[in-house]
C-alpha atoms as a PDB file:
ATOM      1  CA  MET A   1       0.038  -0.034  -0.265  1.00  0.00           C
ATOM      2  CA  LEU A   2       1.275   3.258  -0.685  1.00  0.00           C
ATOM      3  CA  ILE A   3       0.935   6.056   1.466  1.00  0.00           C
ATOM      4  CA  THR A   4       1.688   9.635   1.023  1.00  0.00           C
ATOM      5  CA  THR A   5       1.362  13.201   1.908  1.00  0.00           C
ATOM      6  CA  THR A   6       1.193  14.511  -1.500  1.00  0.00           C
ATOM      7  CA  SER A   7      -2.099  14.989  -3.413  1.00  0.00           C
ATOM      8  CA  LEU A   8      -0.635  12.816  -6.330  1.00  0.00           C
ATOM      9  CA  VAL A   9       1.775   9.893  -7.189  1.00  0.00           C
ATOM     10  CA  GLU A  10       3.699  11.022 -10.209  1.00  0.00           C
ATOM     11  CA  GLY A  11       3.800   8.597 -13.275  1.00  0.00           C
ATOM     12  CA  ARG A  12       0.251   7.123 -11.565  1.00  0.00           C
ATOM     13  CA  PRO A  13      -2.758   8.833 -12.297  1.00  0.00           C
ATOM     14  CA  VAL A  14      -5.798   8.642  -9.911  1.00  0.00           C
ATOM     15  CA  ARG A  15      -8.240   6.022 -11.233  1.00  0.00           C
ATOM     16  CA  GLU A  16     -10.909   6.186  -8.820  1.00  0.00           C
ATOM     17  CA  TYR A  17     -11.265   8.237  -5.058  1.00  0.00           C
ATOM     18  CA  LEU A  18     -12.539   5.916  -2.892  1.00  0.00           C
ATOM     19  CA  GLY A  19     -13.341   8.280   0.496  1.00  0.00           C
ATOM     20  CA  LEU A  20     -11.917   9.516   3.561  1.00  0.00           C
ATOM     21  CA  VAL A  21      -9.812   7.064   5.819  1.00  0.00           C
ATOM     22  CA  VAL A  22      -8.735   7.581   9.174  1.00  0.00           C
ATOM     23  CA  GLY A  23      -6.586   5.773  12.012  1.00  0.00           C
ATOM     24  CA  GLU A  24      -7.202   7.078  15.940  1.00  0.00           C
ATOM     25  CA  VAL A  25      -4.873   6.013  18.677  1.00  0.00           C
ATOM     26  CA  ILE A  26      -5.543   7.177  22.099  1.00  0.00           C
ATOM     27  CA  ILE A  27      -2.683   6.509  24.910  1.00  0.00           C
ATOM     28  CA  GLY A  28      -2.865   7.621  28.478  1.00  0.00           C
ATOM     29  CA  ALA A  29      -0.496   9.288  30.359  1.00  0.00           C
ATOM     30  CA  ASN A  30       0.721   7.077  32.928  1.00  0.00           C
ATOM     31  CA  ILE A  31       1.770   9.048  36.347  1.00  0.00           C
ATOM     32  CA  PHE A  32       4.199   6.802  37.319  1.00  0.00           C
ATOM     33  CA  ARG A  33       6.207   7.091  33.644  1.00  0.00           C
ATOM     34  CA  ASP A  34       5.784  10.732  34.224  1.00  0.00           C
ATOM     35  CA  LEU A  35       7.298  10.688  36.920  1.00  0.00           C
ATOM     36  CA  PHE A  36       9.896   8.445  36.522  1.00  0.00           C
ATOM     37  CA  ALA A  37      10.627  10.085  32.919  1.00  0.00           C
ATOM     38  CA  GLY A  38      11.696  13.648  34.652  1.00  0.00           C
ATOM     39  CA  ILE A  39      14.173  11.863  36.746  1.00  0.00           C
ATOM     40  CA  ARG A  40      15.710   9.138  34.324  1.00  0.00           C
ATOM     41  CA  ASP A  41      14.623   9.335  30.780  1.00  0.00           C
ATOM     42  CA  ILE A  42      15.706  13.631  30.289  1.00  0.00           C
ATOM     43  CA  VAL A  43      18.989  13.272  28.271  1.00  0.00           C
ATOM     44  CA  GLY A  44      19.773  16.578  26.647  1.00  0.00           C
ATOM     45  CA  GLY A  45      16.057  17.504  26.751  1.00  0.00           C
ATOM     46  CA  ARG A  46      14.736  14.592  25.450  1.00  0.00           C
ATOM     47  CA  ALA A  47      12.310  12.179  26.898  1.00  0.00           C
ATOM     48  CA  GLY A  48      12.562   8.429  25.705  1.00  0.00           C
ATOM     49  CA  SER A  49      10.067   7.121  27.294  1.00  0.00           C
ATOM     50  CA  TYR A  50       7.290   9.427  25.839  1.00  0.00           C
ATOM     51  CA  GLU A  51       8.803   9.389  21.910  1.00  0.00           C
ATOM     52  CA  ASN A  52       8.983   5.848  22.052  1.00  0.00           C
ATOM     53  CA  ALA A  53       5.597   5.857  23.307  1.00  0.00           C
ATOM     54  CA  MET A  54       4.310   8.255  20.568  1.00  0.00           C
ATOM     55  CA  ARG A  55       6.280   6.663  17.856  1.00  0.00           C
ATOM     56  CA  GLY A  56       4.216   3.184  18.597  1.00  0.00           C
ATOM     57  CA  ALA A  57       0.995   5.292  19.275  1.00  0.00           C
ATOM     58  CA  GLY A  58       1.874   6.645  15.480  1.00  0.00           C
ATOM     59  CA  LYS A  59       2.619   3.368  13.679  1.00  0.00           C
ATOM     60  CA  GLU A  60      -0.959   1.957  15.028  1.00  0.00           C
ATOM     61  CA  ALA A  61      -2.962   4.824  13.463  1.00  0.00           C
ATOM     62  CA  LEU A  62      -0.916   4.275  10.552  1.00  0.00           C
ATOM     63  CA  ALA A  63      -1.938   0.783  10.512  1.00  0.00           C
ATOM     64  CA  GLU A  64      -5.385   1.261  11.184  1.00  0.00           C
ATOM     65  CA  LEU A  65      -5.381   3.796   8.324  1.00  0.00           C
ATOM     66  CA  GLU A  66      -4.081   0.946   6.089  1.00  0.00           C
ATOM     67  CA  GLU A  67      -6.384  -1.147   6.838  1.00  0.00           C
ATOM     68  CA  GLU A  68      -9.352   1.073   6.505  1.00  0.00           C
ATOM     69  CA  ALA A  69      -8.121   1.835   2.659  1.00  0.00           C
ATOM     70  CA  ARG A  70      -7.758  -2.159   2.253  1.00  0.00           C
ATOM     71  CA  ALA A  71     -11.427  -2.708   3.075  1.00  0.00           C
ATOM     72  CA  LEU A  72     -12.373  -0.373   0.508  1.00  0.00           C
ATOM     73  CA  GLY A  73     -10.243  -1.584  -2.285  1.00  0.00           C
ATOM     74  CA  ALA A  74      -7.272   1.178  -2.273  1.00  0.00           C
ATOM     75  CA  ASP A  75      -4.090   0.631  -3.503  1.00  0.00           C
ATOM     76  CA  ALA A  76      -3.012   3.951  -2.133  1.00  0.00           C
ATOM     77  CA  VAL A  77      -3.904   6.768   0.053  1.00  0.00           C
ATOM     78  CA  VAL A  78      -2.518  10.081  -0.455  1.00  0.00           C
ATOM     79  CA  GLY A  79      -3.154  13.447   0.823  1.00  0.00           C
ATOM     80  CA  VAL A  80      -1.834  11.909   4.472  1.00  0.00           C
ATOM     81  CA  ASP A  81      -2.432  14.069   7.381  1.00  0.00           C
ATOM     82  CA  LEU A  82      -0.696  13.357  10.801  1.00  0.00           C
ATOM     83  CA  ASP A  83      -1.384  15.258  13.685  1.00  0.00           C
ATOM     84  CA  TYR A  84      -0.663  14.945  17.829  1.00  0.00           C
ATOM     85  CA  GLU A  85      -3.417  16.318  20.060  1.00  0.00           C
ATOM     86  CA  VAL A  86      -3.773  16.239  24.057  1.00  0.00           C
ATOM     87  CA  VAL A  87      -7.124  15.211  25.425  1.00  0.00           C
ATOM     88  CA  GLY A  88      -9.004  14.638  28.310  1.00  0.00           C
ATOM     89  CA  GLU A  89      -9.690  16.180  31.677  1.00  0.00           C
ATOM     90  CA  ARG A  90      -5.990  18.050  32.461  1.00  0.00           C
ATOM     91  CA  GLY A  91      -4.504  16.992  29.391  1.00  0.00           C
ATOM     92  CA  GLY A  92      -4.003  12.962  30.515  1.00  0.00           C
ATOM     93  CA  MET A  93      -3.974  11.136  27.175  1.00  0.00           C
ATOM     94  CA  LEU A  94      -2.512  12.222  23.587  1.00  0.00           C
ATOM     95  CA  MET A  95      -4.668  11.537  20.500  1.00  0.00           C
ATOM     96  CA  VAL A  96      -2.498  10.659  17.342  1.00  0.00           C
ATOM     97  CA  SER A  97      -4.769  10.752  14.100  1.00  0.00           C
ATOM     98  CA  ILE A  98      -3.805  10.418  10.745  1.00  0.00           C
ATOM     99  CA  SER A  99      -6.173  10.753   7.801  1.00  0.00           C
ATOM    100  CA  GLY A 100      -5.993  10.804   4.003  1.00  0.00           C
ATOM    101  CA  THR A 101      -7.846   9.785   0.818  1.00  0.00           C
ATOM    102  CA  ALA A 102      -8.311   6.607  -0.356  1.00  0.00           C
ATOM    103  CA  VAL A 103      -7.514   5.862  -3.942  1.00  0.00           C
ATOM    104  CA  LYS A 104      -6.974   3.605  -7.174  1.00  0.00           C
ATOM    105  CA  LEU A 105      -4.320   4.368  -9.073  1.00  0.00           C
ATOM    106  CA  GLY A 106      -4.304   3.948 -12.793  1.00  0.00           C
END
């Protein structure tokens, strides 16, 4: 499955637009991980445990997007946008959402 942030794939015209596809993942901010990130993981201004959690959530959201596109019979997703948003009371959760247009290429 070709997934791209561009609206076109050079040399492969869009034959059919199949619709919007979305992948969303919400991860909770564990209070103990928060505490220990401040003590243990911050090196040079970076928090490794947060980066790993965000990277994993992004991959999960991308897999959901691809699964939804395959169910529509797509061979590509164009115009992909990836967003991170803090949600929940007191910003206790992080939502990763990825969206794009499922297409069949020529």
